[in-house]
């Protein structure tokens, strides 16, 4: 009998210790729930002003910051509203920053999208599937004009590579190199945009001639084999952009009796954002998602 009592007492002690351990673990989880959570910041608030060709997808920039120790290797995106545009491809790159002893990761998405109809100040977003979570996130507003008579008469490139700089409301000088590789003269008639951002100072400087120092205005004829520098000043409307602007104009051209639109490379102007600064950031959507423990 004594041995039975001692065995029963030992079993009770074990049960009490196990219950105490489980209770302590649950209480710790209750006191520190954010240890199991990751903060995210979706950098929305973009505005798109673009002349688009359905055969040439437009690349949109979208940033997601997180304080999670590990970020997803892939993210699937779907258009919101569904059917308004098509996600052709998305590329994801990661950058890591350590600030104040805390690690942050930037998930930078370059999303190729195709617009098949015109939009005027149309709100869009993405359904983002990051693996641990799935969420609808806003992107911004789009004004676009679809052109069906897109041409490729000129070899066009930025003078100093891709335009990528901090967002400013002042004048932004844009410079493009144009080369006529066709066998016919190409007449540049005007620079055309979908929205109503400010464009001024449009001029052409012909390379390799005595008149190179004297810029000309549009319209301007570029002969076969000639290279010219196209310059203009972009002035975003104040108050219409929160985090960034993607601006893609088109040149109205004529070759012989045929007219067409040559879509220019997009100008990307982005406002810098870092989540550790904790400053007011219009357009940025913060949220918290639980991660597997």
Protein backbone atom coordinates (compact mmCIF):
# COMPACT_ATOMS: atom_id res chain seq x y z
CA UNK A 1 0.00 0.00 0.00
CA UNK A 2 2.81 2.36 0.88
CA UNK A 3 4.47 1.81 -2.48
CA UNK A 4 1.17 2.53 -4.24
CA UNK A 5 0.73 5.80 -2.33
CA UNK A 6 4.27 6.88 -3.16
CA UNK A 7 3.69 6.01 -6.84
CA UNK A 8 0.44 7.96 -6.93
CA UNK A 9 2.07 10.93 -5.25
CA UNK A 10 4.92 10.88 -7.76
CA UNK A 11 2.43 10.78 -10.64
CA UNK A 12 0.58 13.78 -9.20
CA UNK A 13 3.85 15.69 -8.84
CA UNK A 14 4.73 14.95 -12.49
CA UNK A 15 1.29 16.10 -13.67
CA UNK A 16 1.60 19.33 -11.63
CA UNK A 17 5.07 20.03 -13.02
CA UNK A 18 3.92 19.41 -16.61
CA UNK A 19 0.86 21.62 -16.09
CA UNK A 20 3.06 24.34 -14.61
CA UNK A 21 5.48 24.17 -17.53
CA UNK A 22 2.67 24.31 -20.08
CA UNK A 23 1.01 27.21 -18.23
CA UNK A 24 4.29 29.14 -18.08
CA UNK A 25 4.84 28.61 -21.80
CA UNK A 26 1.33 29.80 -22.64
CA UNK A 27 1.70 32.85 -20.36
CA UNK A 28 5.01 33.76 -22.00
CA UNK A 29 3.39 33.52 -25.41
CA UNK A 30 0.59 35.78 -24.15
CA UNK A 31 2.97 38.37 -22.74
CA UNK A 32 5.18 38.49 -25.84
CA UNK A 33 2.94 37.90 -28.88
CA UNK A 34 4.97 40.22 -31.15
CA UNK A 35 7.94 37.84 -30.87
CA UNK A 36 5.93 35.58 -33.19
CA UNK A 37 4.92 38.38 -35.55
CA UNK A 38 6.61 40.22 -38.41
CA UNK A 39 5.94 43.80 -39.37
CA UNK A 40 5.54 44.64 -43.07
CA UNK A 41 5.40 47.92 -44.97
CA UNK A 42 3.90 47.98 -48.47
CA UNK A 43 5.19 50.95 -50.42
CA UNK A 44 2.08 51.97 -52.34
CA UNK A 45 1.13 55.50 -53.34
CA UNK A 46 2.55 55.32 -56.87
CA UNK A 47 1.19 57.17 -59.87
CA UNK A 48 1.55 55.97 -63.46
CA UNK A 49 1.32 58.31 -66.46
CA UNK A 50 2.05 56.17 -69.51
CA UNK A 51 1.47 55.74 -73.20
CA UNK A 52 1.45 51.96 -73.61
CA UNK A 53 1.62 49.38 -76.36
CA UNK A 54 -0.13 46.09 -75.44
CA UNK A 55 2.74 44.20 -77.09
CA UNK A 56 5.27 45.90 -74.77
CA UNK A 57 4.50 45.35 -71.06
CA UNK A 58 5.15 48.26 -68.70
CA UNK A 59 7.46 47.56 -65.75
CA UNK A 60 6.10 48.78 -62.40
CA UNK A 61 8.22 49.08 -59.27
CA UNK A 62 6.82 47.88 -55.94
CA UNK A 63 8.66 47.64 -52.61
CA UNK A 64 7.79 45.56 -49.56
CA UNK A 65 9.82 46.03 -46.36
CA UNK A 66 9.74 43.52 -43.51
CA UNK A 67 11.27 43.04 -40.06
CA UNK A 68 10.92 39.27 -40.38
CA UNK A 69 14.10 37.25 -39.92
CA UNK A 70 13.47 35.58 -43.27
CA UNK A 71 11.59 36.86 -46.32
CA UNK A 72 9.84 34.68 -48.93
CA UNK A 73 11.94 33.66 -51.92
CA UNK A 74 8.97 34.11 -54.27
CA UNK A 75 5.82 36.20 -54.33
CA UNK A 76 2.86 35.64 -56.63
CA UNK A 77 0.89 38.69 -57.74
CA UNK A 78 -2.57 38.99 -59.24
CA UNK A 79 -4.22 42.20 -60.51
CA UNK A 80 -6.81 44.04 -58.43
CA UNK A 81 -9.42 44.74 -59.75
CA UNK A 82 -9.21 41.42 -61.59
CA UNK A 83 -9.24 41.76 -65.37
CA UNK A 84 -8.27 45.44 -65.43
CA UNK A 85 -4.71 44.56 -66.42
CA UNK A 86 -2.52 41.50 -66.79
CA UNK A 87 0.54 40.56 -64.74
CA UNK A 88 2.95 39.17 -67.32
CA UNK A 89 5.97 38.57 -65.09
CA UNK A 90 7.41 39.61 -61.73
CA UNK A 91 11.01 39.55 -60.52
CA UNK A 92 11.92 39.65 -56.83
CA UNK A 93 15.20 40.89 -55.36
CA UNK A 94 16.20 41.10 -51.68
CA UNK A 95 18.27 43.68 -49.82
CA UNK A 96 19.16 43.49 -46.11
CA UNK A 97 19.69 46.44 -43.74
CA UNK A 98 20.57 46.40 -40.05
CA UNK A 99 19.52 49.46 -38.07
CA UNK A 100 19.61 49.80 -34.27
CA UNK A 101 20.38 46.12 -33.88
CA UNK A 102 17.27 45.15 -35.85
CA UNK A 103 17.31 43.49 -39.27
CA UNK A 104 15.08 44.75 -42.08
CA UNK A 105 14.67 43.23 -45.52
CA UNK A 106 13.57 44.99 -48.68
CA UNK A 107 11.64 42.82 -51.12
CA UNK A 108 11.87 44.77 -54.36
CA UNK A 109 9.47 43.69 -57.07
CA UNK A 110 9.69 44.62 -60.74
CA UNK A 111 6.29 43.74 -62.17
CA UNK A 112 5.66 43.63 -65.93
CA UNK A 113 2.02 44.46 -66.62
CA UNK A 114 -0.06 44.80 -69.78
CA UNK A 115 -2.88 47.34 -70.08
CA UNK A 116 -5.40 46.64 -72.84
CA UNK A 117 -7.59 49.76 -72.49
CA UNK A 118 -7.34 53.42 -71.53
CA UNK A 119 -7.59 54.54 -67.91
CA UNK A 120 -7.93 57.95 -66.31
CA UNK A 121 -6.75 58.18 -62.69
CA UNK A 122 -7.74 54.54 -62.17
CA UNK A 123 -6.94 52.92 -58.80
CA UNK A 124 -5.12 49.54 -58.95
CA UNK A 125 -3.57 47.10 -56.51
CA UNK A 126 -2.16 43.59 -56.22
CA UNK A 127 -3.22 40.41 -54.48
CA UNK A 128 0.15 39.37 -53.06
CA UNK A 129 0.75 35.75 -52.03
CA UNK A 130 3.96 35.68 -50.02
CA UNK A 131 3.60 32.12 -48.68
CA UNK A 132 3.11 32.85 -44.94
CA UNK A 133 0.39 35.37 -45.82
CA UNK A 134 -1.88 36.47 -48.65
CA UNK A 135 -3.12 40.03 -48.80
CA UNK A 136 -4.58 42.67 -51.12
CA UNK A 137 -2.21 45.66 -51.20
CA UNK A 138 -2.77 49.00 -52.95
CA UNK A 139 -0.38 50.19 -55.64
CA UNK A 140 -1.65 53.58 -56.74
CA UNK A 141 -3.39 55.33 -59.63
CA UNK A 142 -2.93 54.81 -63.36
CA UNK A 143 -3.56 57.11 -66.30
CA UNK A 144 -2.70 55.35 -69.55
CA UNK A 145 -3.42 55.61 -73.26
CA UNK A 146 -3.16 52.49 -75.40
CA UNK A 147 -1.69 53.05 -78.87
CA UNK A 148 -2.28 50.49 -81.62
CA UNK A 149 0.09 52.11 -84.14
CA UNK A 150 3.31 51.69 -82.20
CA UNK A 151 6.49 51.73 -84.31
CA UNK A 152 10.17 50.96 -83.81
CA UNK A 153 11.84 53.40 -86.14
CA UNK A 154 14.37 54.78 -83.67
CA UNK A 155 16.96 53.21 -81.37
CA UNK A 156 16.16 54.92 -78.05
CA UNK A 157 18.12 54.83 -74.77
CA UNK A 158 18.74 57.03 -71.75
CA UNK A 159 21.94 59.04 -71.87
CA UNK A 160 23.04 57.91 -68.40
CA UNK A 161 21.33 54.55 -68.15
CA UNK A 162 18.01 53.94 -66.42
CA UNK A 163 16.49 56.94 -64.66
CA UNK A 164 16.27 56.17 -60.93
CA UNK A 165 16.62 58.96 -58.40
CA UNK A 166 15.01 60.35 -55.25
CA UNK A 167 11.59 61.83 -55.89
CA UNK A 168 11.56 65.61 -56.23
CA UNK A 169 8.82 68.07 -57.07
CA UNK A 170 11.17 70.39 -58.91
CA UNK A 171 12.17 70.17 -62.56
CA UNK A 172 13.59 66.82 -63.69
CA UNK A 173 15.81 67.02 -66.79
CA UNK A 174 15.36 63.94 -68.98
CA UNK A 175 17.84 63.17 -71.78
CA UNK A 176 17.45 60.45 -74.41
CA UNK A 177 19.68 59.34 -77.27
CA UNK A 178 17.84 58.73 -80.56
CA UNK A 179 19.33 57.03 -83.61
CA UNK A 180 17.67 56.52 -86.97
CA UNK A 181 18.73 53.08 -88.18
CA UNK A 182 16.11 52.96 -90.95
CA UNK A 183 16.68 53.79 -94.62
CA UNK A 184 14.23 56.72 -94.62
CA UNK A 185 14.10 60.09 -92.84
CA UNK A 186 12.01 60.10 -89.65
CA UNK A 187 10.14 63.26 -88.75
CA UNK A 188 9.69 63.83 -84.98
CA UNK A 189 6.45 65.79 -84.64
CA UNK A 190 5.79 66.05 -80.89
CA UNK A 191 6.25 64.47 -77.47
CA UNK A 192 2.92 63.06 -76.29
CA UNK A 193 1.78 61.90 -72.84
CA UNK A 194 -1.29 60.18 -71.41
CA UNK A 195 -1.81 62.49 -68.41
CA UNK A 196 -1.18 66.12 -67.68
CA UNK A 197 2.20 66.36 -65.98
CA UNK A 198 4.25 69.37 -66.95
CA UNK A 199 6.54 68.99 -69.98
CA UNK A 200 8.67 71.92 -71.07
CA UNK A 201 11.92 72.73 -72.82
CA UNK A 202 11.61 70.00 -75.46
CA UNK A 203 14.62 70.28 -77.75
CA UNK A 204 16.81 68.22 -80.06
CA UNK A 205 20.60 68.42 -80.32
CA UNK A 206 22.06 66.76 -83.40
CA UNK A 207 25.31 64.90 -82.74
CA UNK A 208 28.46 65.24 -84.78
CA UNK A 209 27.55 68.42 -86.67
CA UNK A 210 28.59 72.06 -86.57
CA UNK A 211 25.12 72.94 -85.35
CA UNK A 212 25.33 70.55 -82.39
CA UNK A 213 25.65 73.46 -79.99
CA UNK A 214 22.40 74.96 -81.29
CA UNK A 215 19.40 72.93 -80.08
CA UNK A 216 16.34 72.74 -82.31
CA UNK A 217 12.67 72.43 -81.42
CA UNK A 218 10.16 69.89 -82.66
CA UNK A 219 9.21 69.08 -85.35
CA UNK A 220 12.64 67.84 -86.39
CA UNK A 221 13.77 65.41 -89.12
CA UNK A 222 16.35 62.76 -88.30
CA UNK A 223 18.05 61.43 -91.42
CA UNK A 224 19.14 57.77 -91.84
CA UNK A 225 22.23 57.06 -89.73
CA UNK A 226 21.95 60.24 -87.68
CA UNK A 227 21.99 60.37 -83.88
CA UNK A 228 20.39 63.10 -81.81
CA UNK A 229 19.88 64.00 -78.17
CA UNK A 230 16.28 64.61 -77.08
CA UNK A 231 15.90 66.67 -73.91
CA UNK A 232 12.86 67.76 -71.95
CA UNK A 233 11.96 68.89 -68.44
CA UNK A 234 9.44 66.82 -66.48
CA UNK A 235 7.48 68.66 -63.79
CA UNK A 236 5.24 66.30 -61.73
CA UNK A 237 2.10 67.95 -60.44
CA UNK A 238 2.46 68.73 -56.71
CA UNK A 239 0.30 66.64 -54.43
CA UNK A 240 -0.49 63.92 -56.97
CA UNK A 241 2.41 61.59 -56.15
CA UNK A 242 3.05 60.04 -52.73
CA UNK A 243 5.81 57.46 -53.19
CA UNK A 244 6.82 57.47 -56.84
CA UNK A 245 6.04 58.32 -60.45
CA UNK A 246 6.38 56.16 -63.56
CA UNK A 247 6.24 58.39 -66.60
CA UNK A 248 6.28 56.91 -70.11
CA UNK A 249 5.60 59.30 -73.01
CA UNK A 250 5.70 58.64 -76.75
CA UNK A 251 7.11 60.46 -79.75
CA UNK A 252 4.70 61.14 -82.57
CA UNK A 253 6.64 60.27 -85.75
CA UNK A 254 6.19 60.36 -89.50
CA UNK A 255 8.10 58.36 -92.07
CA UNK A 256 6.98 58.99 -95.63
CA UNK A 257 3.17 59.05 -95.48
CA UNK A 258 2.95 56.85 -92.38
CA UNK A 259 2.54 58.21 -88.86
CA UNK A 260 3.07 56.26 -85.66
CA UNK A 261 3.92 56.43 -81.96
CA UNK A 262 7.35 55.46 -80.68
CA UNK A 263 6.95 54.57 -76.99
CA UNK A 264 9.83 55.99 -74.92
CA UNK A 265 11.52 54.14 -72.01
CA UNK A 266 9.79 54.83 -68.67
CA UNK A 267 11.16 57.47 -66.32
CA UNK A 268 11.05 56.20 -62.72
CA UNK A 269 11.27 58.78 -59.94
CA UNK A 270 11.00 57.31 -56.44
CA UNK A 271 10.69 58.81 -52.95
CA UNK A 272 13.06 57.14 -50.48
CA UNK A 273 11.43 55.23 -47.59
CA UNK A 274 13.05 53.32 -44.70
CA UNK A 275 10.78 51.74 -42.05
CA UNK A 276 13.23 52.37 -39.20
CA UNK A 277 12.84 56.13 -39.61
CA UNK A 278 9.23 55.86 -38.35
CA UNK A 279 8.26 59.05 -40.08
CA UNK A 280 4.98 59.77 -41.75
CA UNK A 281 5.02 58.12 -45.16
CA UNK A 282 1.97 58.86 -47.37
CA UNK A 283 0.96 55.84 -49.41
CA UNK A 284 2.83 53.30 -47.28
CA UNK A 285 0.59 50.59 -45.78
CA UNK A 286 1.93 48.96 -42.57
CA UNK A 287 0.56 45.63 -41.37
CA UNK A 288 1.52 42.75 -39.08
CA UNK A 289 1.30 39.10 -39.99
CA UNK A 290 1.93 36.08 -37.74
CA UNK A 291 4.71 33.76 -38.86
CA UNK A 292 5.06 30.07 -38.07
CA UNK A 293 6.58 29.52 -34.61
